[in-house]
Amino acid sequence: MKYRTLNDLDVRGRRVLVREDLNVPLRQAQDGTSAIADYTRVDAAIPTLRALLERGARVIVVSHLGRPDGAPNPKYSLRPVAAALAERLHVDVPFVEESVGPKAQAAAGALTDGSIVLLENVRFHKEEEANDPAFAKQLASLADLYVNDAFGTAHRAHASTEGVAHFLPNAAGLLMEAELAALARLTAHPQRPYVCVIGGAKVKDKVGVFTYLMKIVDEFCVGGGMANTFLAARGTDVGRSLRDDDLGPAKQILDLAAHHDITLHLPFDAVVSSSFDADDRAHAVGIEDVGDAMILDIGPKTAEAYADVIRKAKTIVFNGPMGVYEKAAYQNGTHVVGGAIADATRHGATSVVGGGDAAASAHMLGFADAMTHVSTGGGATLEFLEGRTLPGVAALQH
């Protein structure tokens, strides 16, 4: 992939429209206002914004938050994010109550070198998700240059993520650049052995990932609800465990693994309980002895076997937890696997954590900081690992 970076742009004195992913989770504060519950996406945006400000750019930040369905909704206002950016950048970050229109034009025109404004939620306009060319042109009219730093939305062909790039000289931000470089290491000449640790609820959600990575991965270690589906497809009774109703995709992937001579490791023991909420009844059993119970984590013997595979790897992608990691009774599988990835990384392996639940579990269980890279993308990371073109990236290529 060839695209411009910040080093390819002369930004001093220029108005730069920066698309960030500031889609932060909000909670209701005691005074009735919205407060940010998790600052991960804010912190991820800071390096690019700081670099632009230090180089004398006039920065106009645009982002979405939530799903306001194309109409203004105070519940999804980006106003709380302005204060968070100001605190981390140590500069004033004025908030503009619109993303296009007279107020936005005036705010952009009033900027001086090394100053910044944050525009209101771009999804308050239905034209954003429709990638309306006229709306993209309106956004572009605010600036001289465009920087896309929002990898988490790069799989969306929206006006602010794809359309604007056709109207302004453009480049990838530092986060976008880091994400693409890290993920490229998983698909372009990876070091071997190459292991994919994959979990999540459903096989059908990750058929594309399996199919694409089957061409380059040496071994898969499978956990989560999807492991139950594979076990069922292989004829194992998984009791009342979460699994796909349609076993066809799992059978196809098992056949594909056999065709490519790829090892697809499945659990041979599991942590089960009588119900999702009966944590006090959690216990380990052999995979043939699940009976009428629910599988809620890979078993301790499986976790150690997976860890042995992982520690020998030179390239590792972690794309989903091994069980219901949010509950202490079912954290062991993900914790042991995460520790093994950390060990391998300390011994020179490249490890990338996919976005979504994989990243959330890595942060919660304390092994995120030991990884080579933790992706900020959910759907974008998934689509990249499926080998699909990301519109937000393709628009930057030259």
Protein backbone atom coordinates (compact mmCIF):
# COMPACT_ATOMS: atom_id res chain seq x y z
CA MET A 1 0.00 0.00 0.00
CA LYS A 2 1.34 3.39 -1.00
CA TYR A 3 -0.11 6.43 0.70
CA ARG A 4 1.14 9.78 1.91
CA THR A 5 2.01 10.29 5.57
CA LEU A 6 2.27 13.43 7.70
CA ASN A 7 5.90 13.79 6.61
CA ASP A 8 4.71 14.25 3.02
CA LEU A 9 2.56 17.28 3.88
CA ASP A 10 3.64 20.88 4.43
CA VAL A 11 1.09 21.79 7.10
CA ARG A 12 2.39 25.07 8.53
CA GLY A 13 -0.24 27.76 8.22
CA ARG A 14 -2.59 25.33 6.43
CA ARG A 15 -6.04 24.28 7.58
CA VAL A 16 -6.01 20.51 8.08
CA LEU A 17 -9.24 18.53 8.39
CA VAL A 18 -8.42 15.51 10.56
CA ARG A 19 -10.80 12.56 10.71
CA GLU A 20 -10.36 10.88 14.08
CA ASP A 21 -12.29 8.02 15.67
CA LEU A 22 -13.57 9.69 18.85
CA ASN A 23 -16.51 7.32 19.21
CA VAL A 24 -16.02 7.05 22.97
CA PRO A 25 -18.40 5.31 25.38
CA LEU A 26 -20.30 7.84 27.48
CA ARG A 27 -21.96 7.56 30.90
CA GLN A 28 -24.32 9.88 32.70
CA ALA A 29 -22.56 12.04 35.31
CA GLN A 30 -24.21 12.98 38.61
CA ASP A 31 -24.98 16.48 37.34
CA GLY A 32 -26.87 15.00 34.37
CA THR A 33 -24.18 15.73 31.81
CA SER A 34 -22.38 13.10 29.76
CA ALA A 35 -18.93 11.94 30.83
CA ILE A 36 -16.40 9.80 28.99
CA ALA A 37 -16.26 6.24 30.36
CA ASP A 38 -13.15 5.10 28.44
CA TYR A 39 -10.45 7.42 27.05
CA THR A 40 -8.71 4.84 24.82
CA ARG A 41 -9.81 6.41 21.52
CA VAL A 42 -9.05 9.94 22.75
CA ASP A 43 -5.54 8.90 23.76
CA ALA A 44 -5.01 7.15 20.41
CA ALA A 45 -5.77 10.41 18.56
CA ILE A 46 -3.34 12.57 20.52
CA PRO A 47 -0.02 11.77 18.72
CA THR A 48 -1.33 12.89 15.31
CA LEU A 49 -3.04 16.00 16.68
CA ARG A 50 0.02 16.98 18.70
CA ALA A 51 2.33 16.47 15.71
CA LEU A 52 0.16 18.69 13.53
CA LEU A 53 -0.08 21.43 16.16
CA GLU A 54 3.67 21.38 16.76
CA ARG A 55 4.21 21.82 13.00
CA GLY A 56 2.02 24.91 12.92
CA ALA A 57 -1.09 23.40 11.35
CA ARG A 58 -4.57 24.85 11.85
CA VAL A 59 -6.38 21.72 12.93
CA ILE A 60 -10.09 20.98 12.39
CA VAL A 61 -11.12 17.68 14.00
CA VAL A 62 -14.11 15.74 12.70
CA SER A 63 -15.52 12.51 14.11
CA HIS A 64 -18.69 10.56 14.75
CA LEU A 65 -20.09 9.26 18.03
CA GLY A 66 -22.70 6.53 18.29
CA ARG A 67 -25.61 6.05 15.90
CA PRO A 68 -27.73 9.22 15.89
CA ASP A 69 -29.40 8.15 12.63
CA GLY A 70 -28.61 11.27 10.65
CA ALA A 71 -30.19 13.82 12.99
CA PRO A 72 -28.94 16.02 15.87
CA ASN A 73 -29.22 14.28 19.24
CA PRO A 74 -27.67 15.75 22.42
CA LYS A 75 -27.09 12.20 23.70
CA TYR A 76 -24.44 11.76 21.00
CA SER A 77 -22.79 15.17 21.16
CA LEU A 78 -18.98 15.30 20.99
CA ARG A 79 -18.90 18.25 23.41
CA PRO A 80 -17.42 16.17 26.31
CA VAL A 81 -14.57 15.10 24.04
CA ALA A 82 -13.38 18.70 23.52
CA ALA A 83 -12.47 18.99 27.20
CA ALA A 84 -10.68 15.64 27.11
CA LEU A 85 -8.62 16.69 24.09
CA ALA A 86 -7.77 20.02 25.73
CA GLU A 87 -6.59 18.27 28.89
CA ARG A 88 -4.29 15.94 27.00
CA LEU A 89 -2.99 18.42 24.41
CA HIS A 90 -2.57 21.26 26.95
CA VAL A 91 -4.21 23.72 24.58
CA ASP A 92 -7.67 25.24 24.30
CA VAL A 93 -9.97 23.11 22.12
CA PRO A 94 -13.07 25.14 21.20
CA PHE A 95 -16.17 23.09 20.37
CA VAL A 96 -18.19 23.99 17.28
CA GLU A 97 -21.89 23.11 17.46
CA GLU A 98 -22.03 21.99 13.83
CA SER A 99 -19.82 20.06 11.43
CA VAL A 100 -20.70 22.06 8.29
CA GLY A 101 -22.30 25.46 7.89
CA PRO A 102 -21.59 29.07 8.89
CA LYS A 103 -20.33 28.32 12.41
CA ALA A 104 -17.94 25.66 11.15
CA GLN A 105 -16.70 27.95 8.37
CA ALA A 106 -16.18 30.82 10.82
CA ALA A 107 -14.31 28.60 13.31
CA ALA A 108 -12.07 27.19 10.59
CA GLY A 109 -11.37 30.67 9.24
CA ALA A 110 -10.48 32.04 12.69
CA LEU A 111 -7.81 29.43 13.42
CA THR A 112 -4.20 30.51 13.81
CA ASP A 113 -1.04 28.45 13.42
CA GLY A 114 -0.91 25.71 16.06
CA SER A 115 -4.56 25.99 17.09
CA ILE A 116 -7.42 23.47 16.96
CA VAL A 117 -11.20 23.12 16.98
CA LEU A 118 -13.50 20.11 17.34
CA LEU A 119 -16.61 19.91 15.17
CA GLU A 120 -19.92 18.41 16.26
CA ASN A 121 -20.81 14.79 15.46
CA VAL A 122 -20.67 14.41 11.68
CA ARG A 123 -23.35 11.70 11.80
CA PHE A 124 -25.90 14.35 12.77
CA HIS A 125 -26.14 14.68 8.97
CA LYS A 126 -27.69 11.80 7.01
CA GLU A 127 -25.42 12.72 4.09
CA GLU A 128 -22.39 11.48 6.08
CA GLU A 129 -23.21 7.77 5.99
CA ALA A 130 -24.61 8.11 2.47
CA ASN A 131 -21.20 9.45 1.38
CA ASP A 132 -22.99 12.28 -0.39
CA PRO A 133 -20.45 14.06 -2.69
CA ALA A 134 -21.96 17.50 -2.06
CA PHE A 135 -21.66 17.00 1.71
CA ALA A 136 -18.09 15.72 1.35
CA LYS A 137 -17.30 18.84 -0.68
CA GLN A 138 -18.79 21.00 2.09
CA LEU A 139 -16.53 19.34 4.64
CA ALA A 140 -13.57 19.74 2.32
CA SER A 141 -14.27 23.46 1.94
CA LEU A 142 -13.28 23.93 5.59
CA ALA A 143 -9.67 22.99 4.94
CA ASP A 144 -6.65 22.93 2.65
CA LEU A 145 -5.52 19.40 3.50
CA TYR A 146 -7.10 16.19 4.77
CA VAL A 147 -5.64 13.63 7.20
CA ASN A 148 -7.42 10.37 7.96
CA ASP A 149 -6.35 8.99 11.33
CA ALA A 150 -9.52 6.99 12.01
CA PHE A 151 -8.56 3.40 11.28
CA GLY A 152 -11.57 2.18 13.27
CA THR A 153 -13.89 3.60 10.60
CA ALA A 154 -11.69 2.87 7.56
CA HIS A 155 -14.04 0.07 6.49
CA ARG A 156 -16.85 2.63 6.06
CA ALA A 157 -17.22 4.55 2.79
CA HIS A 158 -18.64 7.67 4.44
CA ALA A 159 -18.23 11.31 3.47
CA SER A 160 -15.70 12.10 6.22
CA THR A 161 -13.76 8.83 5.83
CA GLU A 162 -13.68 8.39 2.06
CA GLY A 163 -15.47 11.18 0.20
CA VAL A 164 -13.36 14.10 1.45
CA ALA A 165 -10.15 12.44 0.28
CA HIS A 166 -11.21 13.04 -3.33
CA PHE A 167 -11.38 16.82 -2.83
CA LEU A 168 -8.19 17.58 -0.87
CA PRO A 169 -4.52 16.59 -0.83
CA ASN A 170 -4.46 13.87 1.79
CA ALA A 171 -2.38 11.62 4.02
CA ALA A 172 -2.66 8.98 6.71
CA GLY A 173 -2.28 10.07 10.32
CA LEU A 174 0.18 8.45 12.72
CA LEU A 175 -2.40 6.04 14.15
CA MET A 176 -3.63 5.01 10.71
CA GLU A 177 -0.03 4.51 9.59
CA ALA A 178 0.81 2.41 12.67
CA GLU A 179 -2.31 0.26 12.28
CA LEU A 180 -1.64 -0.48 8.61
CA ALA A 181 2.03 -1.25 9.24
CA ALA A 182 1.22 -3.62 12.11
CA LEU A 183 -1.53 -5.44 10.25
CA ALA A 184 0.56 -5.70 7.10
CA ARG A 185 3.10 -7.68 9.12
CA LEU A 186 0.39 -10.30 9.61
CA THR A 187 -0.27 -10.76 5.91
CA ALA A 188 2.94 -9.87 4.04
CA HIS A 189 5.81 -12.34 4.58
CA PRO A 190 5.14 -13.09 8.27
CA GLN A 191 7.78 -14.91 10.30
CA ARG A 192 6.96 -18.52 11.12
CA PRO A 193 5.55 -20.36 12.95
CA TYR A 194 2.43 -18.19 12.54
CA VAL A 195 -0.40 -18.78 15.03
CA CYS A 196 -3.88 -17.29 15.04
CA VAL A 197 -5.61 -17.33 18.44
CA ILE A 198 -9.25 -16.82 17.59
CA GLY A 199 -12.39 -16.65 19.71
CA GLY A 200 -15.70 -14.88 19.81
CA ALA A 201 -19.30 -15.96 19.70
CA LYS A 202 -19.96 -17.24 16.20
CA VAL A 203 -18.08 -19.00 13.41
CA LYS A 204 -20.31 -17.37 10.79
CA ASP A 205 -19.00 -13.92 11.83
CA LYS A 206 -15.41 -14.91 11.04
CA VAL A 207 -15.66 -17.20 8.03
CA GLY A 208 -13.80 -14.58 5.97
CA VAL A 209 -10.97 -14.37 8.51
CA PHE A 210 -10.53 -18.15 8.58
CA THR A 211 -10.69 -18.44 4.81
CA TYR A 212 -8.14 -15.68 4.16
CA LEU A 213 -5.71 -16.53 6.98
CA MET A 214 -5.84 -20.24 6.11
CA LYS A 215 -3.51 -19.37 3.22
CA ILE A 216 -0.79 -17.98 5.48
CA VAL A 217 -1.31 -19.20 9.07
CA ASP A 218 0.32 -22.42 10.34
CA GLU A 219 -1.96 -23.14 13.31
CA PHE A 220 -5.24 -21.88 14.80
CA CYS A 221 -6.07 -22.05 18.52
CA VAL A 222 -9.84 -21.74 18.79
CA GLY A 223 -11.88 -20.74 21.83
CA GLY A 224 -15.07 -18.92 22.76
CA GLY A 225 -18.51 -19.80 21.45
CA MET A 226 -17.10 -20.56 18.01
CA ALA A 227 -15.11 -23.48 19.45
CA ASN A 228 -18.43 -25.02 20.52
CA THR A 229 -19.68 -24.79 16.93
CA PHE A 230 -16.57 -26.51 15.58
CA LEU A 231 -16.88 -29.23 18.23
CA ALA A 232 -20.53 -29.75 17.35
CA ALA A 233 -19.61 -29.90 13.65
CA ARG A 234 -17.16 -32.62 14.55
CA GLY A 235 -19.90 -34.58 16.33
CA THR A 236 -19.20 -33.62 19.96
CA ASP A 237 -22.19 -32.96 22.22
CA VAL A 238 -21.72 -29.46 23.67
CA GLY A 239 -24.87 -29.49 25.80
CA ARG A 240 -26.60 -26.12 26.14
CA SER A 241 -23.51 -24.15 25.11
CA LEU A 242 -23.70 -21.18 22.78
CA ARG A 243 -23.12 -22.31 19.19
CA ASP A 244 -24.26 -21.56 15.65
CA ASP A 245 -27.45 -23.33 14.57
CA ASP A 246 -26.00 -23.81 11.10
CA LEU A 247 -22.96 -26.09 11.29
CA GLY A 248 -22.27 -25.80 7.55
CA PRO A 249 -19.68 -22.98 7.71
CA ALA A 250 -17.77 -24.74 10.51
CA LYS A 251 -17.68 -27.99 8.52
CA GLN A 252 -16.41 -26.07 5.48
CA ILE A 253 -13.60 -24.49 7.53
CA LEU A 254 -12.65 -27.87 9.04
CA ASP A 255 -12.48 -29.32 5.50
CA LEU A 256 -10.45 -26.32 4.30
CA ALA A 257 -7.97 -26.74 7.17
CA ALA A 258 -7.55 -30.41 6.29
CA HIS A 259 -7.06 -29.52 2.61
CA HIS A 260 -4.34 -26.97 3.45
CA ASP A 261 -2.83 -29.25 6.11
CA ILE A 262 -3.39 -26.53 8.72
CA THR A 263 -3.72 -27.53 12.38
CA LEU A 264 -6.94 -26.22 13.90
CA HIS A 265 -6.70 -26.81 17.66
CA LEU A 266 -9.98 -27.25 19.51
CA PRO A 267 -10.60 -27.56 23.27
CA PHE A 268 -10.34 -31.01 24.84
CA ASP A 269 -11.52 -29.80 28.24
CA ALA A 270 -13.74 -26.89 29.25
CA VAL A 271 -14.98 -24.83 32.19
CA VAL A 272 -18.72 -25.37 32.43
CA SER A 273 -21.66 -24.42 34.62
CA SER A 274 -25.35 -25.18 34.83
CA SER A 275 -26.22 -21.65 33.65
CA PHE A 276 -24.60 -18.40 32.58
CA ASP A 277 -25.14 -16.82 36.01
CA ALA A 278 -24.23 -19.81 38.20
CA ASP A 279 -20.56 -18.80 38.57
CA ASP A 280 -20.28 -20.65 41.90
CA ARG A 281 -20.91 -23.92 40.06
CA ALA A 282 -18.13 -23.44 37.50
CA HIS A 283 -15.89 -26.46 37.13
CA ALA A 284 -13.65 -28.13 34.55
CA VAL A 285 -14.63 -31.28 32.67
CA GLY A 286 -13.36 -33.24 29.71
CA ILE A 287 -14.95 -32.12 26.45
CA GLU A 288 -16.80 -35.45 26.16
CA ASP A 289 -18.37 -34.93 29.63
CA VAL A 290 -20.15 -31.60 29.13
CA GLY A 291 -23.54 -33.25 29.42
CA ASP A 292 -26.37 -30.74 29.85
CA ALA A 293 -24.06 -27.92 31.03
CA MET A 294 -22.85 -24.76 29.28
CA ILE A 295 -19.23 -24.31 28.13
CA LEU A 296 -18.10 -20.85 29.25
CA ASP A 297 -14.29 -21.07 28.88
CA ILE A 298 -11.67 -23.40 27.50
CA GLY A 299 -10.41 -25.78 30.18
CA PRO A 300 -7.09 -25.43 32.04
CA LYS A 301 -5.43 -28.31 30.15
CA THR A 302 -6.49 -26.84 26.81
CA ALA A 303 -5.22 -23.40 27.89
CA GLU A 304 -1.79 -24.82 28.71
CA ALA A 305 -1.68 -26.77 25.43
CA TYR A 306 -2.54 -23.59 23.51
CA ALA A 307 0.13 -21.71 25.50
CA ASP A 308 2.76 -24.26 24.44
CA VAL A 309 1.84 -23.70 20.77
CA ILE A 310 1.87 -19.92 21.16
CA ARG A 311 5.25 -19.69 22.92
CA LYS A 312 6.91 -21.28 19.88
CA ALA A 313 5.34 -18.82 17.44
CA LYS A 314 7.11 -15.94 15.71
CA THR A 315 3.94 -14.21 14.47
CA ILE A 316 0.71 -14.17 16.50
CA VAL A 317 -2.68 -12.58 15.91
CA PHE A 318 -5.10 -12.62 18.84
CA ASN A 319 -8.60 -12.16 17.47
CA GLY A 320 -10.99 -13.01 20.28
CA PRO A 321 -11.17 -14.18 23.91
CA MET A 322 -11.30 -17.84 24.90
CA GLY A 323 -14.35 -17.54 27.13
CA VAL A 324 -16.60 -15.17 29.06
CA TYR A 325 -13.59 -13.13 30.18
CA GLU A 326 -15.73 -10.48 31.90
CA LYS A 327 -16.42 -12.99 34.71
CA ALA A 328 -13.65 -14.14 37.06
CA ALA A 329 -14.80 -17.77 36.88
CA TYR A 330 -14.19 -17.85 33.12
CA GLN A 331 -11.07 -15.71 32.67
CA ASN A 332 -8.39 -18.38 32.98
CA GLY A 333 -8.33 -19.45 29.34
CA THR A 334 -7.88 -15.92 27.99
CA HIS A 335 -5.46 -15.05 30.82
CA VAL A 336 -3.19 -18.06 30.15
CA VAL A 337 -3.27 -17.54 26.38
CA GLY A 338 -2.56 -13.81 26.82
CA GLY A 339 0.39 -14.58 29.10
CA ALA A 340 1.82 -16.94 26.50
CA ILE A 341 1.50 -14.29 23.78
CA ALA A 342 3.30 -11.84 26.07
CA ASP A 343 6.09 -14.41 26.66
CA ALA A 344 6.50 -15.02 22.93
CA THR A 345 6.58 -11.26 22.27
CA ARG A 346 9.34 -10.76 24.86
CA HIS A 347 11.33 -13.40 22.99
CA GLY A 348 11.02 -11.60 19.65
CA ALA A 349 7.65 -12.61 18.22
CA THR A 350 5.37 -10.09 16.51
CA SER A 351 1.98 -10.03 18.24
CA VAL A 352 -1.07 -8.08 17.12
CA VAL A 353 -4.33 -7.91 19.04
CA GLY A 354 -7.40 -7.42 16.87
CA GLY A 355 -9.91 -4.79 17.95
CA GLY A 356 -13.24 -5.26 19.69
CA ASP A 357 -13.49 -7.94 22.37
CA ALA A 358 -9.91 -9.10 21.80
CA ALA A 359 -8.54 -5.66 22.70
CA ALA A 360 -11.01 -5.25 25.58
CA SER A 361 -9.98 -8.58 27.10
CA ALA A 362 -6.28 -7.80 26.65
CA HIS A 363 -6.67 -4.50 28.52
CA MET A 364 -8.89 -5.97 31.22
CA LEU A 365 -6.62 -8.93 31.94
CA GLY A 366 -3.43 -6.85 31.81
CA PHE A 367 -1.50 -8.21 28.85
CA ALA A 368 -2.21 -5.46 26.29
CA ASP A 369 0.96 -3.49 27.10
CA ALA A 370 3.13 -6.53 26.36
CA MET A 371 1.82 -6.87 22.80
CA THR A 372 3.58 -5.50 19.72
CA HIS A 373 0.39 -3.72 18.68
CA VAL A 374 -3.19 -3.49 19.94
CA SER A 375 -5.50 -2.47 17.13
CA THR A 376 -8.10 0.24 17.69
CA GLY A 377 -10.25 -1.19 14.92
CA GLY A 378 -13.10 -3.63 15.36
CA GLY A 379 -14.82 -4.15 12.03
CA ALA A 380 -11.91 -2.52 10.19
CA THR A 381 -9.40 -4.99 11.64
CA LEU A 382 -11.71 -7.89 10.86
CA GLU A 383 -12.15 -6.79 7.25
CA PHE A 384 -8.40 -6.25 6.83
CA LEU A 385 -7.79 -9.80 8.09
CA GLU A 386 -10.37 -11.01 5.57
CA GLY A 387 -8.27 -9.48 2.79
CA ARG A 388 -10.94 -6.93 1.92
CA THR A 389 -10.27 -3.41 0.64
CA LEU A 390 -10.88 -0.69 3.24
CA PRO A 391 -12.49 2.33 1.49
CA GLY A 392 -10.94 4.83 3.90
CA VAL A 393 -7.49 3.49 3.09
CA ALA A 394 -8.02 3.03 -0.63
CA ALA A 395 -9.00 6.70 -0.95
CA LEU A 396 -5.58 7.70 0.44
CA GLN A 397 -3.54 5.52 -1.88
CA HIS A 398 -1.66 6.96 -4.80
